[in-house]
Amino acid sequence: MRYQARVYAELVDFIAENTPPEKLAQFHVSEETQQRVSDLIDREKNAGLSAEETDELNQFMGLEHVMRLAKAKAYGRISA
């Protein structure tokens, strides 16, 4: 396993194990953050992004991946 994948797995486990599953399953980022990500994705498709904006979008996507994995574990705990 690549080191980065191990870090993601550790973060997912920490979040999933230390947050009540119902609360984790209901978590959503703010409307402002959703709008920023949507804007970056739209601009990436149509006009392109600066290097800084590309990094920002990549960070959002990485964090979203961690949260999806943690939520999947939470759903497993709820239905168990």
Protein backbone atom coordinates (compact mmCIF):
# COMPACT_ATOMS: atom_id res chain seq x y z
CA MET A 1 0.00 0.00 0.00
CA ARG A 2 1.31 3.42 -0.90
CA TYR A 3 2.11 5.70 2.01
CA GLN A 4 -0.57 8.22 1.00
CA ALA A 5 -3.21 5.48 0.96
CA ARG A 6 -2.17 4.43 4.47
CA VAL A 7 -2.55 8.02 5.68
CA TYR A 8 -6.03 8.19 4.16
CA ALA A 9 -6.94 4.88 5.80
CA GLU A 10 -5.71 6.10 9.20
CA LEU A 11 -7.73 9.33 8.89
CA VAL A 12 -10.83 7.45 7.79
CA ASP A 13 -10.54 5.05 10.72
CA PHE A 14 -10.00 7.90 13.18
CA ILE A 15 -12.99 9.87 11.92
CA ALA A 16 -15.26 6.83 11.69
CA GLU A 17 -14.29 5.48 15.11
CA ASN A 18 -14.46 8.79 17.01
CA THR A 19 -17.60 10.34 15.57
CA PRO A 20 -21.07 9.01 16.27
CA PRO A 21 -22.11 7.26 13.04
CA GLU A 22 -25.41 9.11 12.75
CA LYS A 23 -23.66 12.47 13.08
CA LEU A 24 -20.99 11.52 10.55
CA ALA A 25 -23.55 10.24 8.06
CA GLN A 26 -25.36 13.60 8.22
CA PHE A 27 -22.26 15.77 7.77
CA HIS A 28 -22.21 18.14 4.81
CA VAL A 29 -19.90 21.02 4.06
CA SER A 30 -21.30 24.54 4.09
CA GLU A 31 -23.18 25.99 1.15
CA GLU A 32 -20.27 28.41 0.66
CA THR A 33 -17.80 25.54 0.36
CA GLN A 34 -20.11 23.62 -2.00
CA GLN A 35 -20.36 26.72 -4.18
CA ARG A 36 -16.57 27.20 -4.22
CA VAL A 37 -15.97 23.60 -5.28
CA SER A 38 -18.67 23.83 -7.96
CA ASP A 39 -17.13 27.02 -9.25
CA LEU A 40 -13.66 25.49 -9.42
CA ILE A 41 -14.96 22.40 -11.23
CA ASP A 42 -16.90 24.51 -13.73
CA ARG A 43 -13.93 26.77 -14.38
CA GLU A 44 -11.61 23.77 -14.71
CA LYS A 45 -13.84 22.38 -17.46
CA ASN A 46 -14.33 25.65 -19.31
CA ALA A 47 -11.51 28.11 -18.76
CA GLY A 48 -8.82 26.32 -16.82
CA LEU A 49 -7.46 26.99 -13.36
CA SER A 50 -4.31 28.54 -12.00
CA ALA A 51 -1.83 26.23 -10.31
CA GLU A 52 -3.04 27.47 -6.92
CA GLU A 53 -6.68 26.80 -7.81
CA THR A 54 -5.80 23.33 -9.10
CA ASP A 55 -4.10 22.57 -5.79
CA GLU A 56 -7.15 23.87 -3.91
CA LEU A 57 -9.50 21.68 -5.97
CA ASN A 58 -7.26 18.65 -5.50
CA GLN A 59 -7.27 19.20 -1.74
CA PHE A 60 -11.06 19.44 -1.70
CA MET A 61 -11.30 16.22 -3.68
CA GLY A 62 -8.90 14.41 -1.36
CA LEU A 63 -10.88 15.50 1.69
CA GLU A 64 -14.13 14.50 0.03
CA HIS A 65 -12.66 11.05 -0.61
CA VAL A 66 -11.73 10.68 3.07
CA MET A 67 -15.22 11.73 4.17
CA ARG A 68 -16.94 9.35 1.74
CA LEU A 69 -14.90 6.44 3.07
CA ALA A 70 -15.60 7.47 6.67
CA LYS A 71 -19.32 7.81 5.92
CA ALA A 72 -19.34 4.35 4.34
CA LYS A 73 -17.88 2.94 7.56
CA ALA A 74 -20.46 4.90 9.56
CA TYR A 75 -23.32 3.51 7.48
CA GLY A 76 -21.92 0.04 8.14
CA ARG A 77 -21.95 0.72 11.88
CA ILE A 78 -25.52 2.06 11.77
CA SER A 79 -26.90 -0.95 9.93
CA ALA A 80 -24.93 -3.51 11.97
